[in-house]
Protein backbone atom coordinates (compact mmCIF):
# COMPACT_ATOMS: atom_id res chain seq x y z
CA MET A 1 13.53 198.49 94.25
CA ALA A 2 16.49 196.92 96.20
CA ASN A 3 15.50 195.61 99.66
CA THR A 4 18.47 193.88 101.13
CA ILE A 5 21.76 195.49 102.07
CA GLN A 6 23.63 193.60 99.51
CA SER A 7 21.19 194.45 96.63
CA LYS A 8 21.45 198.09 97.59
CA LYS A 9 25.12 197.98 97.51
CA ARG A 10 25.05 196.26 94.11
CA ALA A 11 22.73 198.90 92.84
CA ARG A 12 25.21 201.57 93.93
CA GLN A 13 28.18 199.78 92.27
CA SER A 14 26.14 199.44 89.12
CA GLU A 15 25.44 203.07 88.92
CA ALA A 16 28.99 203.92 89.53
CA ARG A 17 30.20 201.40 86.93
CA TYR A 18 27.66 202.71 84.51
CA ALA A 19 29.04 206.20 84.79
CA VAL A 20 32.63 205.22 84.40
CA ASN A 21 31.86 203.12 81.38
CA LYS A 22 29.79 205.90 79.78
CA ALA A 23 32.66 208.26 80.14
CA ARG A 24 35.09 205.75 78.66
CA ARG A 25 32.73 205.04 75.74
CA SER A 26 32.34 208.76 75.13
CA ARG A 27 36.33 209.27 75.19
CA ILE A 28 36.68 206.35 72.66
CA ARG A 29 34.05 207.88 70.27
CA THR A 30 35.88 211.21 70.60
CA TYR A 31 39.16 209.65 69.46
CA LEU A 32 37.28 207.80 66.57
CA ARG A 33 35.63 211.00 65.52
CA LYS A 34 39.09 212.68 65.34
CA VAL A 35 40.29 209.95 63.06
CA GLU A 36 37.22 210.08 60.83
CA GLU A 37 37.62 213.91 60.54
CA ALA A 38 41.23 213.52 59.68
CA ILE A 39 40.45 211.03 56.96
CA ALA A 40 37.74 213.22 55.63
CA SER A 41 40.22 216.19 55.50
CA GLY A 42 42.53 214.25 53.21
CA ASN A 43 45.70 214.84 55.35
CA ALA A 44 47.57 211.51 55.64
CA GLU A 45 49.90 212.62 58.37
CA VAL A 46 47.16 213.96 60.68
CA ALA A 47 45.08 210.84 60.02
CA ALA A 48 48.03 208.62 60.88
CA THR A 49 48.72 210.50 64.10
CA ALA A 50 45.05 210.44 65.05
CA LEU A 51 44.90 206.63 64.43
CA ARG A 52 47.99 206.17 66.54
CA ASN A 53 46.35 208.18 69.38
CA ALA A 54 43.06 206.21 69.09
CA GLN A 55 44.61 202.78 69.27
CA PRO A 56 45.50 202.76 73.00
CA GLU A 57 42.07 204.08 73.94
CA LEU A 58 40.33 201.40 71.97
CA ASP A 59 42.61 198.74 73.54
CA ARG A 60 41.93 200.13 76.93
CA GLY A 61 38.23 199.80 76.16
CA VAL A 62 38.71 196.13 75.55
CA THR A 63 40.74 195.44 78.78
CA LYS A 64 38.04 197.44 80.78
CA GLY A 65 35.31 195.40 79.37
CA VAL A 66 33.54 198.28 77.52
CA LEU A 67 34.01 197.00 74.02
CA HIS A 68 34.54 193.39 72.68
CA LYS A 69 38.07 192.64 71.35
CA ASN A 70 36.90 191.61 67.88
CA THR A 71 34.88 194.85 67.62
CA VAL A 72 37.99 196.81 68.30
CA ALA A 73 40.03 194.66 65.89
CA ARG A 74 37.52 195.28 63.13
CA LYS A 75 37.40 199.01 63.71
CA MET A 76 41.28 199.32 63.86
CA SER A 77 41.69 197.21 60.74
CA ARG A 78 39.17 199.25 58.72
CA LEU A 79 40.60 202.59 59.87
CA ALA A 80 44.18 201.59 59.29
CA ALA A 81 43.14 200.51 55.68
CA ARG A 82 41.49 203.89 55.09
CA VAL A 83 44.47 205.71 56.37
CA LYS A 84 46.85 203.67 54.36
CA ALA A 85 44.75 204.25 51.15
CA LEU A 86 44.81 207.86 51.93
CA SER A 87 48.64 207.99 52.22
CA ASN A 88 49.08 205.90 49.07
CA ALA A 89 46.89 208.17 47.00
């Protein structure tokens, strides 16, 4: 348990940051799920639109420190390749 004033404040800040980051991660996962569902449906236009909508959210997750930049780069690359393959087929 926090004893000093500063440690109590840090505990409060940590809880607040945790809530914000949790909401941000949830939002990112929602966008990723929409892209996955669009790819599964086989509609290339919807998948491309979902991917374009997901990209800024993923990038925002990087700038806010929720996700690592290489993780986002890998996810975007793999999703873009799948959407491209869908549109070529």
